């Protein structure tokens, strides 16, 4: 299956018709579980555009009894996104000295979106997984945020070598989130979004609903 990477010019070409939706606190209603492994000092990670949060709540209602979503990271401030991208690009550059600038940007975007189009920095993307009734994470083939190098491939949503259980769990997650209107980024089974440029391209929309957010979440909610 062909994957349109975040670095693809088609993604950057999508215009943004910012709708002004505020960032909302994922934890505020207590309905979604929130993990703190990607916590940041400003607590930005626990925020999403209100329209994305509404869709996550709907997706959770579609899950089989006993399963819940576990949110790992939502909004990522642009400066933090820039840092993550530069750090990962530097790792790839050191290991692949013959790559061109274009190759490096494309390969880096498998795992960290280029800062100028990053769905997380628009409050449009969420990294998440499934847990059972006692909060134990289910087996989805890799840990959340496993890089292509670490996982040797199974971080891709459609991947060979997954166990039967991992495939079933990915299918369960996908059905609920797709029904709620979110789209997956094919290099990361845990990354889903709504309203960003990648979402617009994948769903045939003329424009994205959300652009980068530079303010602190508390100033927007």
N, C-alpha and C. Protein backbone atom coordinates (compact mmCIF):
# COMPACT_ATOMS: atom_id res chain seq x y z
N UNK A 1 0.84 -1.21 0.00
CA UNK A 1 0.00 0.00 0.00
C UNK A 1 0.87 1.25 0.00
N UNK A 2 0.58 2.18 -0.87
CA UNK A 2 1.35 3.42 -0.97
C UNK A 2 0.96 4.37 0.17
N UNK A 3 1.96 4.96 0.80
CA UNK A 3 1.74 5.89 1.90
C UNK A 3 2.18 7.28 1.47
N UNK A 4 1.31 8.25 1.61
CA UNK A 4 1.68 9.64 1.35
C UNK A 4 2.34 10.19 2.60
N UNK A 5 3.63 10.46 2.52
CA UNK A 5 4.37 10.95 3.68
C UNK A 5 4.04 12.42 3.95
N UNK A 6 4.24 12.84 5.18
CA UNK A 6 3.98 14.23 5.56
C UNK A 6 4.84 15.21 4.77
N UNK A 7 6.00 14.74 4.30
CA UNK A 7 6.89 15.60 3.54
C UNK A 7 6.46 15.77 2.08
N UNK A 8 5.47 15.02 1.64
CA UNK A 8 5.02 15.08 0.25
C UNK A 8 4.49 16.47 -0.07
N UNK A 9 4.90 17.05 -1.18
CA UNK A 9 4.41 18.39 -1.56
C UNK A 9 2.88 18.48 -1.63
N UNK A 10 2.21 17.35 -1.88
CA UNK A 10 0.74 17.37 -1.91
C UNK A 10 0.16 17.80 -0.57
N UNK A 11 0.82 17.42 0.52
CA UNK A 11 0.33 17.78 1.84
C UNK A 11 0.51 19.28 2.08
N UNK A 12 1.70 19.78 1.80
CA UNK A 12 1.98 21.20 2.00
C UNK A 12 1.11 22.08 1.11
N UNK A 13 0.67 21.54 -0.04
CA UNK A 13 -0.12 22.33 -0.98
C UNK A 13 -1.55 22.55 -0.51
N UNK A 14 -2.00 21.78 0.46
CA UNK A 14 -3.37 21.96 0.98
C UNK A 14 -3.45 23.26 1.76
N UNK A 15 -4.37 24.16 1.40
CA UNK A 15 -4.51 25.40 2.17
C UNK A 15 -5.18 25.16 3.52
N UNK A 16 -5.01 26.10 4.41
CA UNK A 16 -5.64 26.01 5.73
C UNK A 16 -6.72 27.07 5.84
N UNK A 17 -7.94 26.64 6.12
CA UNK A 17 -9.04 27.56 6.39
C UNK A 17 -9.32 27.47 7.89
N UNK A 18 -8.48 28.11 8.67
CA UNK A 18 -8.54 27.99 10.14
C UNK A 18 -9.93 28.32 10.67
N UNK A 19 -10.51 27.37 11.42
CA UNK A 19 -11.88 27.60 11.92
C UNK A 19 -11.92 28.14 13.34
N UNK A 20 -10.75 28.31 13.95
CA UNK A 20 -10.69 28.96 15.26
C UNK A 20 -11.13 28.12 16.44
N UNK A 21 -11.32 26.84 16.25
CA UNK A 21 -11.72 25.98 17.38
C UNK A 21 -10.65 26.01 18.46
N UNK A 22 -11.08 26.09 19.72
CA UNK A 22 -10.09 26.14 20.81
C UNK A 22 -9.47 24.78 21.08
N UNK A 23 -8.35 24.80 21.76
CA UNK A 23 -7.77 23.58 22.30
C UNK A 23 -8.53 23.23 23.58
N UNK A 24 -8.85 21.96 23.73
CA UNK A 24 -9.58 21.51 24.91
C UNK A 24 -8.73 20.50 25.69
N UNK A 25 -8.94 20.47 26.99
CA UNK A 25 -8.20 19.57 27.87
C UNK A 25 -8.78 18.16 27.77
N UNK A 26 -7.97 17.21 27.34
CA UNK A 26 -8.42 15.82 27.19
C UNK A 26 -8.91 15.26 28.51
N UNK A 27 -8.30 15.67 29.59
CA UNK A 27 -8.59 15.11 30.90
C UNK A 27 -9.81 15.72 31.57
N UNK A 28 -10.25 16.88 31.08
CA UNK A 28 -11.28 17.65 31.77
C UNK A 28 -12.54 16.86 32.09
N UNK A 29 -13.03 16.08 31.14
CA UNK A 29 -14.27 15.35 31.38
C UNK A 29 -14.09 14.03 32.11
N UNK A 30 -12.87 13.57 32.19
CA UNK A 30 -12.59 12.31 32.87
C UNK A 30 -13.03 11.08 32.11
N UNK A 31 -13.48 11.25 30.87
CA UNK A 31 -13.97 10.10 30.10
C UNK A 31 -12.86 9.35 29.37
N UNK A 32 -11.81 10.08 29.00
CA UNK A 32 -10.69 9.47 28.31
C UNK A 32 -9.52 9.28 29.28
N UNK A 33 -8.82 8.18 29.13
CA UNK A 33 -7.63 7.94 29.94
C UNK A 33 -6.45 8.68 29.31
N UNK A 34 -5.58 9.21 30.16
CA UNK A 34 -4.45 10.01 29.70
C UNK A 34 -3.17 9.46 30.31
N UNK A 35 -2.21 9.16 29.45
CA UNK A 35 -0.90 8.67 29.88
C UNK A 35 0.06 9.84 29.96
N UNK A 36 1.05 9.78 30.84
CA UNK A 36 1.94 10.92 31.00
C UNK A 36 3.34 10.69 30.44
N UNK A 37 3.53 9.67 29.62
CA UNK A 37 4.89 9.37 29.13
C UNK A 37 5.43 10.47 28.22
N UNK A 38 4.54 11.26 27.61
CA UNK A 38 4.99 12.35 26.74
C UNK A 38 4.64 13.71 27.33
N UNK A 39 4.48 13.73 28.64
CA UNK A 39 4.12 14.98 29.32
C UNK A 39 5.20 16.05 29.11
N UNK A 40 4.77 17.29 29.01
CA UNK A 40 5.69 18.41 28.87
C UNK A 40 5.37 19.42 29.97
N UNK A 41 6.31 20.32 30.30
CA UNK A 41 6.10 21.25 31.41
C UNK A 41 4.84 22.10 31.30
N UNK A 42 4.44 22.44 30.07
CA UNK A 42 3.26 23.29 29.87
C UNK A 42 1.96 22.49 29.83
N UNK A 43 2.05 21.15 29.95
CA UNK A 43 0.88 20.28 29.90
C UNK A 43 0.18 20.38 28.55
N UNK A 44 0.92 20.77 27.54
CA UNK A 44 0.34 20.92 26.20
C UNK A 44 -0.12 19.58 25.64
N UNK A 45 0.61 18.52 25.96
CA UNK A 45 0.34 17.20 25.37
C UNK A 45 -1.08 16.72 25.64
N UNK A 46 -1.72 17.24 26.67
CA UNK A 46 -3.05 16.80 27.09
C UNK A 46 -4.16 17.62 26.45
N UNK A 47 -3.86 18.33 25.38
CA UNK A 47 -4.85 19.17 24.71
C UNK A 47 -5.03 18.77 23.25
N UNK A 48 -6.24 18.96 22.75
CA UNK A 48 -6.59 18.72 21.36
C UNK A 48 -7.64 19.75 20.95
N UNK A 49 -7.77 20.00 19.67
CA UNK A 49 -8.88 20.82 19.21
C UNK A 49 -10.18 20.16 19.68
N UNK A 50 -11.13 20.99 20.02
CA UNK A 50 -12.37 20.46 20.59
C UNK A 50 -13.08 19.50 19.64
N UNK A 51 -12.99 19.75 18.34
CA UNK A 51 -13.63 18.85 17.37
C UNK A 51 -12.97 17.49 17.33
N UNK A 52 -11.65 17.45 17.52
CA UNK A 52 -10.93 16.18 17.57
C UNK A 52 -11.30 15.42 18.84
N UNK A 53 -11.36 16.15 19.96
CA UNK A 53 -11.73 15.52 21.22
C UNK A 53 -13.13 14.93 21.16
N UNK A 54 -14.06 15.65 20.58
CA UNK A 54 -15.42 15.13 20.44
C UNK A 54 -15.42 13.82 19.65
N UNK A 55 -14.62 13.75 18.61
CA UNK A 55 -14.57 12.54 17.80
C UNK A 55 -13.90 11.38 18.52
N UNK A 56 -12.93 11.69 19.37
CA UNK A 56 -12.33 10.63 20.17
C UNK A 56 -13.34 10.03 21.14
N UNK A 57 -14.13 10.88 21.74
CA UNK A 57 -15.16 10.39 22.67
C UNK A 57 -16.16 9.51 21.93
N UNK A 58 -16.50 9.92 20.71
CA UNK A 58 -17.41 9.09 19.91
C UNK A 58 -16.76 7.76 19.57
N UNK A 59 -15.48 7.80 19.17
CA UNK A 59 -14.76 6.57 18.84
C UNK A 59 -14.73 5.62 20.04
N UNK A 60 -14.50 6.16 21.22
CA UNK A 60 -14.47 5.31 22.41
C UNK A 60 -15.82 4.62 22.64
N UNK A 61 -16.89 5.32 22.34
CA UNK A 61 -18.22 4.73 22.52
C UNK A 61 -18.47 3.58 21.56
N UNK A 62 -17.68 3.50 20.49
CA UNK A 62 -17.85 2.45 19.50
C UNK A 62 -17.00 1.21 19.79
N UNK A 63 -16.14 1.30 20.77
CA UNK A 63 -15.27 0.16 21.10
C UNK A 63 -16.06 -0.96 21.77
N UNK A 64 -15.59 -2.19 21.64
CA UNK A 64 -16.24 -3.30 22.35
C UNK A 64 -16.21 -3.07 23.86
N UNK A 65 -17.16 -3.65 24.57
CA UNK A 65 -17.21 -3.53 26.02
C UNK A 65 -15.87 -3.95 26.64
N UNK A 66 -15.44 -3.16 27.61
CA UNK A 66 -14.21 -3.50 28.32
C UNK A 66 -12.96 -2.87 27.75
N UNK A 67 -13.06 -2.19 26.60
CA UNK A 67 -11.91 -1.53 26.00
C UNK A 67 -12.06 -0.02 26.07
N UNK A 68 -10.93 0.66 26.22
CA UNK A 68 -10.93 2.12 26.24
C UNK A 68 -9.72 2.65 25.48
N UNK A 69 -9.81 3.90 25.07
CA UNK A 69 -8.67 4.58 24.46
C UNK A 69 -7.74 5.11 25.55
N UNK A 70 -6.46 5.06 25.28
CA UNK A 70 -5.46 5.67 26.15
C UNK A 70 -4.72 6.71 25.32
N UNK A 71 -4.91 7.98 25.65
CA UNK A 71 -4.28 9.08 24.93
C UNK A 71 -2.86 9.28 25.46
N UNK A 72 -1.90 9.28 24.53
CA UNK A 72 -0.49 9.44 24.90
C UNK A 72 0.00 10.85 24.63
N UNK A 73 -0.39 11.42 23.49
CA UNK A 73 0.03 12.80 23.19
C UNK A 73 -0.92 13.43 22.19
N UNK A 74 -1.28 14.67 22.47
CA UNK A 74 -2.10 15.44 21.56
C UNK A 74 -1.32 16.62 21.00
N UNK A 75 -1.63 17.82 21.46
CA UNK A 75 -0.98 19.03 20.95
C UNK A 75 0.52 19.03 21.29
N UNK A 76 1.30 19.45 20.31
CA UNK A 76 2.75 19.57 20.49
C UNK A 76 3.15 20.96 20.02
N UNK A 77 3.62 21.83 20.89
CA UNK A 77 3.99 23.18 20.48
C UNK A 77 4.99 23.16 19.32
N UNK A 78 4.89 24.12 18.40
CA UNK A 78 5.77 24.13 17.23
C UNK A 78 7.26 24.04 17.57
N UNK A 79 7.68 24.70 18.64
CA UNK A 79 9.11 24.67 19.00
C UNK A 79 9.54 23.26 19.39
N UNK A 80 8.66 22.53 20.08
CA UNK A 80 8.96 21.16 20.46
C UNK A 80 8.97 20.25 19.23
N UNK A 81 8.04 20.48 18.31
CA UNK A 81 8.01 19.72 17.07
C UNK A 81 9.31 19.94 16.29
N UNK A 82 9.77 21.17 16.23
CA UNK A 82 11.01 21.50 15.54
C UNK A 82 12.17 20.74 16.16
N UNK A 83 12.21 20.70 17.48
CA UNK A 83 13.30 20.00 18.17
C UNK A 83 13.28 18.52 17.87
N UNK A 84 12.09 17.92 17.95
CA UNK A 84 11.98 16.49 17.68
C UNK A 84 12.42 16.16 16.26
N UNK A 85 12.00 17.00 15.30
CA UNK A 85 12.35 16.74 13.90
C UNK A 85 13.86 16.86 13.69
N UNK A 86 14.45 17.89 14.23
CA UNK A 86 15.89 18.10 14.05
C UNK A 86 16.70 16.98 14.70
N UNK A 87 16.26 16.53 15.87
CA UNK A 87 16.99 15.47 16.56
C UNK A 87 16.93 14.16 15.77
N UNK A 88 15.75 13.81 15.27
CA UNK A 88 15.62 12.57 14.51
C UNK A 88 16.35 12.67 13.18
N UNK A 89 16.26 13.83 12.52
CA UNK A 89 16.97 14.02 11.25
C UNK A 89 18.47 13.90 11.45
N UNK A 90 18.96 14.39 12.57
CA UNK A 90 20.40 14.30 12.86
C UNK A 90 20.82 12.84 13.03
N UNK A 91 19.98 12.03 13.68
CA UNK A 91 20.27 10.60 13.83
C UNK A 91 20.35 9.92 12.46
N UNK A 92 19.38 10.23 11.61
CA UNK A 92 19.36 9.63 10.28
C UNK A 92 20.54 10.09 9.44
N UNK A 93 20.89 11.37 9.55
CA UNK A 93 22.01 11.92 8.78
C UNK A 93 23.32 11.23 9.16
N UNK A 94 23.50 10.99 10.46
CA UNK A 94 24.72 10.34 10.93
C UNK A 94 24.83 8.91 10.43
N UNK A 95 23.69 8.24 10.29
CA UNK A 95 23.68 6.83 9.86
C UNK A 95 23.62 6.67 8.35
N UNK A 96 23.30 7.76 7.63
CA UNK A 96 23.11 7.68 6.17
C UNK A 96 23.75 8.90 5.52
N UNK A 97 25.06 8.93 5.53
CA UNK A 97 25.78 10.13 5.09
C UNK A 97 25.59 10.44 3.61
N UNK A 98 25.15 9.46 2.83
CA UNK A 98 24.97 9.69 1.40
C UNK A 98 23.62 10.24 1.01
N UNK A 99 22.72 10.40 1.96
CA UNK A 99 21.37 10.88 1.63
C UNK A 99 21.39 12.35 1.25
N UNK A 100 20.55 12.70 0.29
CA UNK A 100 20.36 14.11 -0.07
C UNK A 100 19.46 14.77 0.97
N UNK A 101 19.36 16.09 0.87
CA UNK A 101 18.47 16.83 1.78
C UNK A 101 17.03 16.35 1.61
N UNK A 102 16.63 16.11 0.38
CA UNK A 102 15.26 15.65 0.11
C UNK A 102 15.01 14.26 0.69
N UNK A 103 15.98 13.37 0.52
CA UNK A 103 15.85 12.03 1.09
C UNK A 103 15.75 12.09 2.61
N UNK A 104 16.58 12.92 3.21
CA UNK A 104 16.59 13.04 4.66
C UNK A 104 15.25 13.55 5.17
N UNK A 105 14.69 14.56 4.51
CA UNK A 105 13.40 15.11 4.94
C UNK A 105 12.30 14.05 4.80
N UNK A 106 12.31 13.31 3.70
CA UNK A 106 11.29 12.29 3.49
C UNK A 106 11.40 11.17 4.51
N UNK A 107 12.60 10.69 4.74
CA UNK A 107 12.78 9.58 5.68
C UNK A 107 12.49 10.01 7.11
N UNK A 108 12.84 11.24 7.46
CA UNK A 108 12.53 11.74 8.80
C UNK A 108 11.04 11.85 9.00
N UNK A 109 10.31 12.20 7.93
CA UNK A 109 8.87 12.41 8.05
C UNK A 109 8.08 11.12 8.23
N UNK A 110 8.74 9.97 8.10
CA UNK A 110 8.06 8.71 8.43
C UNK A 110 7.71 8.67 9.91
N UNK A 111 8.49 9.39 10.71
CA UNK A 111 8.39 9.28 12.18
C UNK A 111 8.09 10.61 12.86
N UNK A 112 8.61 11.70 12.32
CA UNK A 112 8.36 13.03 12.88
C UNK A 112 8.00 13.96 11.72
N UNK A 113 6.83 14.58 11.79
CA UNK A 113 6.39 15.44 10.69
C UNK A 113 7.25 16.69 10.59
N UNK A 114 7.52 17.16 9.37
CA UNK A 114 8.19 18.46 9.22
C UNK A 114 7.40 19.52 9.98
N UNK A 115 8.08 20.39 10.71
CA UNK A 115 7.40 21.34 11.59
C UNK A 115 6.35 22.21 10.91
N UNK A 116 6.56 22.56 9.64
CA UNK A 116 5.64 23.50 8.99
C UNK A 116 4.27 22.90 8.69
N UNK A 117 4.15 21.56 8.69
CA UNK A 117 2.85 20.96 8.38
C UNK A 117 2.42 19.96 9.47
N UNK A 118 3.08 19.95 10.59
CA UNK A 118 2.85 18.93 11.62
C UNK A 118 1.42 18.96 12.17
N UNK A 119 0.68 17.84 12.06
CA UNK A 119 -0.67 17.78 12.62
C UNK A 119 -0.72 17.98 14.13
N UNK A 120 0.29 17.49 14.85
CA UNK A 120 0.29 17.67 16.30
C UNK A 120 0.34 19.14 16.67
N UNK A 121 1.08 19.94 15.93
CA UNK A 121 1.21 21.37 16.24
C UNK A 121 -0.03 22.17 15.87
N UNK A 122 -0.97 21.53 15.19
CA UNK A 122 -2.26 22.15 14.90
C UNK A 122 -3.31 21.71 15.92
N UNK A 123 -2.92 20.85 16.85
CA UNK A 123 -3.90 20.31 17.80
C UNK A 123 -4.84 19.32 17.15
N UNK A 124 -4.44 18.80 15.97
CA UNK A 124 -5.32 17.96 15.16
C UNK A 124 -5.00 16.48 15.27
N UNK A 125 -3.84 16.14 15.81
CA UNK A 125 -3.40 14.75 15.84
C UNK A 125 -3.28 14.23 17.27
N UNK A 126 -3.50 12.94 17.39
CA UNK A 126 -3.39 12.30 18.69
C UNK A 126 -2.67 10.97 18.53
N UNK A 127 -1.76 10.69 19.44
CA UNK A 127 -1.12 9.38 19.53
C UNK A 127 -1.82 8.63 20.65
N UNK A 128 -2.28 7.41 20.34
CA UNK A 128 -3.07 6.69 21.34
C UNK A 128 -2.96 5.18 21.15
N UNK A 129 -3.52 4.46 22.09
CA UNK A 129 -3.56 3.01 22.01
C UNK A 129 -4.80 2.51 22.74
N UNK A 130 -4.92 1.20 22.86
CA UNK A 130 -6.06 0.57 23.53
C UNK A 130 -5.64 -0.03 24.85
N UNK A 131 -6.54 0.04 25.82
CA UNK A 131 -6.32 -0.63 27.11
C UNK A 131 -7.57 -1.43 27.46
N UNK A 132 -7.39 -2.40 28.34
CA UNK A 132 -8.55 -3.17 28.80
C UNK A 132 -9.16 -2.53 30.03
N UNK A 133 -10.08 -3.21 30.66
CA UNK A 133 -10.85 -2.63 31.77
C UNK A 133 -9.99 -2.23 32.96
N UNK A 134 -8.88 -2.94 33.17
CA UNK A 134 -8.03 -2.57 34.31
C UNK A 134 -6.89 -1.63 33.91
N UNK A 135 -6.94 -1.10 32.69
CA UNK A 135 -5.95 -0.11 32.25
C UNK A 135 -4.69 -0.68 31.65
N UNK A 136 -4.63 -1.97 31.44
CA UNK A 136 -3.46 -2.60 30.85
C UNK A 136 -3.46 -2.42 29.34
N UNK A 137 -2.35 -1.95 28.79
CA UNK A 137 -2.26 -1.75 27.35
C UNK A 137 -2.33 -3.09 26.62
N UNK A 138 -3.08 -3.10 25.52
CA UNK A 138 -3.17 -4.29 24.70
C UNK A 138 -1.97 -4.38 23.76
N UNK A 139 -1.73 -5.55 23.24
CA UNK A 139 -0.65 -5.77 22.30
C UNK A 139 -1.08 -5.30 20.92
N UNK A 140 -0.43 -4.24 20.43
CA UNK A 140 -0.70 -3.76 19.07
C UNK A 140 0.55 -3.91 18.19
N UNK A 141 1.46 -4.72 18.60
CA UNK A 141 2.61 -5.05 17.76
C UNK A 141 3.90 -4.37 18.11
N UNK A 142 3.84 -3.10 18.53
CA UNK A 142 5.01 -2.34 18.98
C UNK A 142 4.55 -1.42 20.10
N UNK A 143 5.50 -0.81 20.75
CA UNK A 143 5.12 0.23 21.70
C UNK A 143 4.68 1.46 20.92
N UNK A 144 3.90 2.32 21.54
CA UNK A 144 3.57 3.62 20.94
C UNK A 144 4.87 4.40 20.77
N UNK A 145 5.02 5.03 19.60
CA UNK A 145 6.20 5.84 19.27
C UNK A 145 7.46 5.03 18.99
N UNK A 146 7.31 3.77 18.61
CA UNK A 146 8.48 3.00 18.17
C UNK A 146 8.90 3.49 16.79
N UNK A 147 10.15 3.82 16.61
CA UNK A 147 10.62 4.32 15.31
C UNK A 147 10.73 3.18 14.31
N UNK A 148 10.81 3.52 13.01
CA UNK A 148 11.01 2.47 12.00
C UNK A 148 12.28 1.66 12.26
N UNK A 149 13.32 2.33 12.75
CA UNK A 149 14.57 1.63 13.03
C UNK A 149 14.42 0.69 14.21
N UNK A 150 13.79 1.15 15.26
CA UNK A 150 13.60 0.32 16.45
C UNK A 150 12.71 -0.88 16.16
N UNK A 151 11.62 -0.65 15.45
CA UNK A 151 10.63 -1.71 15.23
C UNK A 151 10.96 -2.59 14.03
N UNK A 152 11.84 -2.12 13.17
CA UNK A 152 12.19 -2.83 11.94
C UNK A 152 10.96 -3.07 11.05
N UNK A 153 10.02 -2.14 11.11
CA UNK A 153 8.86 -2.21 10.21
C UNK A 153 7.49 -2.27 10.84
N UNK A 154 7.27 -3.02 11.93
CA UNK A 154 5.91 -3.15 12.47
C UNK A 154 5.28 -1.88 13.04
N UNK A 155 6.01 -0.77 13.10
CA UNK A 155 5.36 0.49 13.47
C UNK A 155 4.39 0.92 12.37
N UNK A 156 4.63 0.45 11.13
CA UNK A 156 3.70 0.75 10.04
C UNK A 156 2.36 0.09 10.34
N UNK A 157 1.28 0.79 10.03
CA UNK A 157 -0.05 0.27 10.36
C UNK A 157 -0.32 -1.07 9.68
N UNK A 158 0.04 -1.17 8.42
CA UNK A 158 -0.07 -2.43 7.70
C UNK A 158 1.34 -3.00 7.60
N UNK A 159 1.62 -4.04 8.38
CA UNK A 159 2.97 -4.57 8.47
C UNK A 159 2.95 -6.09 8.53
N UNK A 160 4.01 -6.68 8.05
CA UNK A 160 4.16 -8.13 8.15
C UNK A 160 4.69 -8.49 9.54
N UNK A 161 4.49 -9.73 9.91
CA UNK A 161 5.09 -10.25 11.13
C UNK A 161 4.36 -9.94 12.41
N UNK A 162 3.16 -9.39 12.31
CA UNK A 162 2.38 -9.10 13.52
C UNK A 162 1.69 -10.37 14.01
N UNK A 163 1.51 -10.46 15.31
CA UNK A 163 0.75 -11.59 15.85
C UNK A 163 -0.72 -11.43 15.50
N UNK A 164 -1.45 -12.53 15.60
CA UNK A 164 -2.89 -12.50 15.33
C UNK A 164 -3.59 -11.50 16.25
N UNK A 165 -3.20 -11.50 17.53
CA UNK A 165 -3.83 -10.59 18.49
C UNK A 165 -3.54 -9.14 18.15
N UNK A 166 -2.31 -8.84 17.78
CA UNK A 166 -1.96 -7.46 17.43
C UNK A 166 -2.77 -6.98 16.23
N UNK A 167 -2.94 -7.85 15.24
CA UNK A 167 -3.74 -7.48 14.07
C UNK A 167 -5.19 -7.20 14.45
N UNK A 168 -5.74 -8.05 15.30
CA UNK A 168 -7.12 -7.85 15.74
C UNK A 168 -7.26 -6.53 16.50
N UNK A 169 -6.31 -6.24 17.36
CA UNK A 169 -6.39 -5.01 18.15
C UNK A 169 -6.24 -3.77 17.27
N UNK A 170 -5.36 -3.84 16.28
CA UNK A 170 -5.23 -2.71 15.35
C UNK A 170 -6.52 -2.52 14.55
N UNK A 171 -7.13 -3.62 14.15
CA UNK A 171 -8.38 -3.52 13.40
C UNK A 171 -9.48 -2.91 14.26
N UNK A 172 -9.54 -3.28 15.53
CA UNK A 172 -10.54 -2.73 16.45
C UNK A 172 -10.35 -1.23 16.61
N UNK A 173 -9.10 -0.83 16.82
CA UNK A 173 -8.79 0.60 16.96
C UNK A 173 -9.15 1.36 15.69
N UNK A 174 -8.78 0.80 14.56
CA UNK A 174 -9.02 1.46 13.28
C UNK A 174 -10.50 1.62 12.98
N UNK A 175 -11.27 0.60 13.25
CA UNK A 175 -12.72 0.68 12.97
C UNK A 175 -13.36 1.82 13.74
N UNK A 176 -13.05 1.92 15.01
CA UNK A 176 -13.67 2.95 15.85
C UNK A 176 -13.25 4.35 15.43
N UNK A 177 -11.96 4.55 15.21
CA UNK A 177 -11.46 5.88 14.89
C UNK A 177 -11.87 6.31 13.48
N UNK A 178 -11.87 5.37 12.54
CA UNK A 178 -12.30 5.69 11.18
C UNK A 178 -13.78 6.06 11.16
N UNK A 179 -14.58 5.32 11.92
CA UNK A 179 -16.02 5.62 11.98
C UNK A 179 -16.28 6.99 12.59
N UNK A 180 -15.37 7.45 13.43
CA UNK A 180 -15.52 8.76 14.06
C UNK A 180 -14.95 9.89 13.21
N UNK A 181 -14.39 9.55 12.04
CA UNK A 181 -13.94 10.58 11.11
C UNK A 181 -12.46 10.89 11.12
N UNK A 182 -11.67 10.14 11.88
CA UNK A 182 -10.23 10.38 11.92
C UNK A 182 -9.53 9.54 10.86
N UNK A 183 -8.31 9.96 10.48
CA UNK A 183 -7.51 9.20 9.53
C UNK A 183 -6.17 8.85 10.18
N UNK A 184 -5.62 7.74 9.72
CA UNK A 184 -4.35 7.25 10.26
C UNK A 184 -3.19 7.68 9.36
N UNK A 185 -2.03 7.85 9.98
CA UNK A 185 -0.79 8.06 9.23
C UNK A 185 -0.12 6.70 9.12
N UNK A 186 0.02 6.19 7.90
CA UNK A 186 0.36 4.79 7.69
C UNK A 186 1.69 4.31 8.20
N UNK A 187 2.59 5.20 8.59
CA UNK A 187 3.87 4.78 9.15
C UNK A 187 3.82 4.63 10.67
N UNK A 188 2.68 5.03 11.27
CA UNK A 188 2.54 4.99 12.73
C UNK A 188 1.12 4.53 13.08
N UNK A 189 0.98 3.31 13.53
CA UNK A 189 -0.36 2.79 13.81
C UNK A 189 -1.09 3.59 14.87
N UNK A 190 -0.36 4.26 15.73
CA UNK A 190 -0.94 4.99 16.88
C UNK A 190 -1.34 6.43 16.54
N UNK A 191 -0.97 6.93 15.37
CA UNK A 191 -1.17 8.35 15.04
C UNK A 191 -2.43 8.52 14.21
N UNK A 192 -3.39 9.28 14.74
CA UNK A 192 -4.66 9.55 14.08
C UNK A 192 -4.95 11.05 14.13
N UNK A 193 -5.63 11.54 13.10
CA UNK A 193 -5.88 12.98 13.09
C UNK A 193 -7.19 13.33 12.40
N UNK A 194 -7.60 14.56 12.64
CA UNK A 194 -8.79 15.13 12.01
C UNK A 194 -8.56 16.62 11.82
N UNK A 195 -8.85 17.13 10.64
CA UNK A 195 -8.84 18.57 10.41
C UNK A 195 -7.52 19.16 9.93
N UNK A 196 -6.46 18.37 9.88
CA UNK A 196 -5.16 18.88 9.45
C UNK A 196 -4.99 18.71 7.94
N UNK A 197 -3.86 19.10 7.41
CA UNK A 197 -3.63 19.03 5.97
C UNK A 197 -3.60 17.59 5.46
N UNK A 198 -2.96 16.71 6.19
CA UNK A 198 -2.90 15.31 5.77
C UNK A 198 -4.30 14.71 5.74
N UNK A 199 -5.10 15.00 6.75
CA UNK A 199 -6.49 14.56 6.79
C UNK A 199 -7.25 15.07 5.58
N UNK A 200 -7.06 16.35 5.25
CA UNK A 200 -7.77 16.95 4.11
C UNK A 200 -7.39 16.24 2.82
N UNK A 201 -6.10 15.96 2.63
CA UNK A 201 -5.67 15.27 1.42
C UNK A 201 -6.26 13.86 1.34
N UNK A 202 -6.24 13.15 2.46
CA UNK A 202 -6.70 11.77 2.48
C UNK A 202 -8.21 11.66 2.31
N UNK A 203 -8.94 12.70 2.67
CA UNK A 203 -10.40 12.65 2.59
C UNK A 203 -10.97 13.48 1.44
N UNK A 204 -10.09 14.07 0.64
CA UNK A 204 -10.54 14.82 -0.52
C UNK A 204 -11.13 16.18 -0.21
N UNK A 205 -10.81 16.75 0.95
CA UNK A 205 -11.30 18.07 1.31
C UNK A 205 -10.45 19.16 0.64
N UNK A 206 -11.07 20.29 0.38
CA UNK A 206 -10.37 21.37 -0.30
C UNK A 206 -9.37 22.09 0.59
N UNK A 207 -9.60 22.05 1.89
CA UNK A 207 -8.73 22.78 2.82
C UNK A 207 -8.73 22.11 4.19
N UNK A 208 -7.66 22.36 4.93
CA UNK A 208 -7.59 21.89 6.31
C UNK A 208 -8.40 22.85 7.20
N UNK A 209 -8.87 22.33 8.31
CA UNK A 209 -9.64 23.14 9.26
C UNK A 209 -8.76 23.81 10.31
N UNK A 210 -7.59 23.20 10.54
CA UNK A 210 -6.73 23.67 11.63
C UNK A 210 -5.31 23.92 11.12
N UNK A 211 -4.76 25.08 11.52
CA UNK A 211 -3.36 25.38 11.27
C UNK A 211 -2.57 25.34 12.55
N UNK A 212 -1.26 25.62 12.49
CA UNK A 212 -0.42 25.58 13.69
C UNK A 212 -0.92 26.51 14.78
N UNK A 213 -0.78 26.07 16.01
CA UNK A 213 -1.18 26.85 17.18
C UNK A 213 0.09 27.23 17.92
N UNK A 214 0.30 28.51 18.12
CA UNK A 214 1.54 28.95 18.78
C UNK A 214 1.34 29.31 20.24
N UNK A 215 0.09 29.60 20.63
CA UNK A 215 -0.16 30.02 22.01
C UNK A 215 -0.19 28.83 22.98
N UNK A 216 -0.06 29.16 24.25
CA UNK A 216 -0.20 28.15 25.29
C UNK A 216 -1.67 27.71 25.32
N UNK A 217 -1.94 26.41 25.54
CA UNK A 217 -3.33 25.93 25.56
C UNK A 217 -4.25 26.70 26.50
N UNK A 218 -3.71 27.15 27.62
CA UNK A 218 -4.54 27.87 28.59
C UNK A 218 -5.07 29.20 28.03
N UNK A 219 -4.36 29.73 27.05
CA UNK A 219 -4.78 31.00 26.46
C UNK A 219 -5.86 30.82 25.39
N UNK A 220 -6.09 29.56 24.99
CA UNK A 220 -7.01 29.31 23.90
C UNK A 220 -8.27 28.58 24.32
N UNK A 221 -8.24 27.90 25.45
CA UNK A 221 -9.38 27.08 25.86
C UNK A 221 -10.36 27.89 26.69
